[in-house]
Amino acid sequence: MAEGYIHSTESMGTVDGPGIRFVVFTQGCPLRCQYCHNPDTWKLKDGNKTTTAELMQKIVKIKPYIKRSGGGITISGGEPTMQLEFSLDLLKKAKAEGLHTAIDTSGYIDPQKFKQLLPYLDLVLLDIKTMDDLKHQDLTGVSNQKILNIVELLEAEKQPYWVRHVVVPGITDDFQEMQKFAMYLRDKKYLEKVELLPYHELGKHKWENLGLEYKLASVEPPSAKKMAELNSCFKNYKINIA
């Protein structure tokens, strides 16, 4: 049994992997994304301390519903790899219950450490903010090199994964840059889906409540036309788009 800090849980999640999912939002994150909608997850010990056994008690109660839908459990965040042993133990317990398992991660972790999770994962949801390393550093506070190394690891280990990318107007919505992104992903054999997610302002009030400056206060969500245009970059390479 492992102990860890979580932000919250969602018992009937439908956007973090296939089917209905029990989603565990872990506490703690090494990135400082300018558009983060949960800045209250950044500090590890600001969360609620719990154990994997306590979480499994909740999960087992709704196991029939999530199994029937083709769902499972997703560990999200924050950044779940910041609590590697906790996440690993929870995945092991979920697999022992015959549940489909997924992790939603920024990929900001050493590949050899991340590799420990793979035997207990059915799916990885990998968030790639931008291919431009300098822009990535400005947007998140860290380099994207570790994240791209995780892509190579997933391919080498034949691990199914989805790529998620938030479209932020004026920052990550350049058509030519998106074409380069699509070209990078087009030959990936174990990439099952790309999800382009429109930027939203739902976390703005959290920044204000925490006394933090929200640098994207003047940014509006992308239009449906813009999203369709960017999605077309991937359709040209027959990559499955959400």
Foldseek 3Di string as FASTA:
>chain_A
DDKFFFADWDQFDPPQDAFGEIETAAAAAPWDALQDLCPVRHDGVSGDMDALVVVVVVNVVCVVRRVVGVHFYEYEYNAVVVVLVRVQVNLVVRVVVVGAYEYEHCQPDAQVSVVSNQVSHQEYEYEDAFPDQVLCCVRIVHGCVSSVVNLVSCLVVLHAYEYEYEDFPPRRLDQVRLLVVLVVCLPRDRHQEYEYHWRDCNRVVVCVVVVHDNPCPVTDTDDPVSVVSSVVSNVVSPHHYD
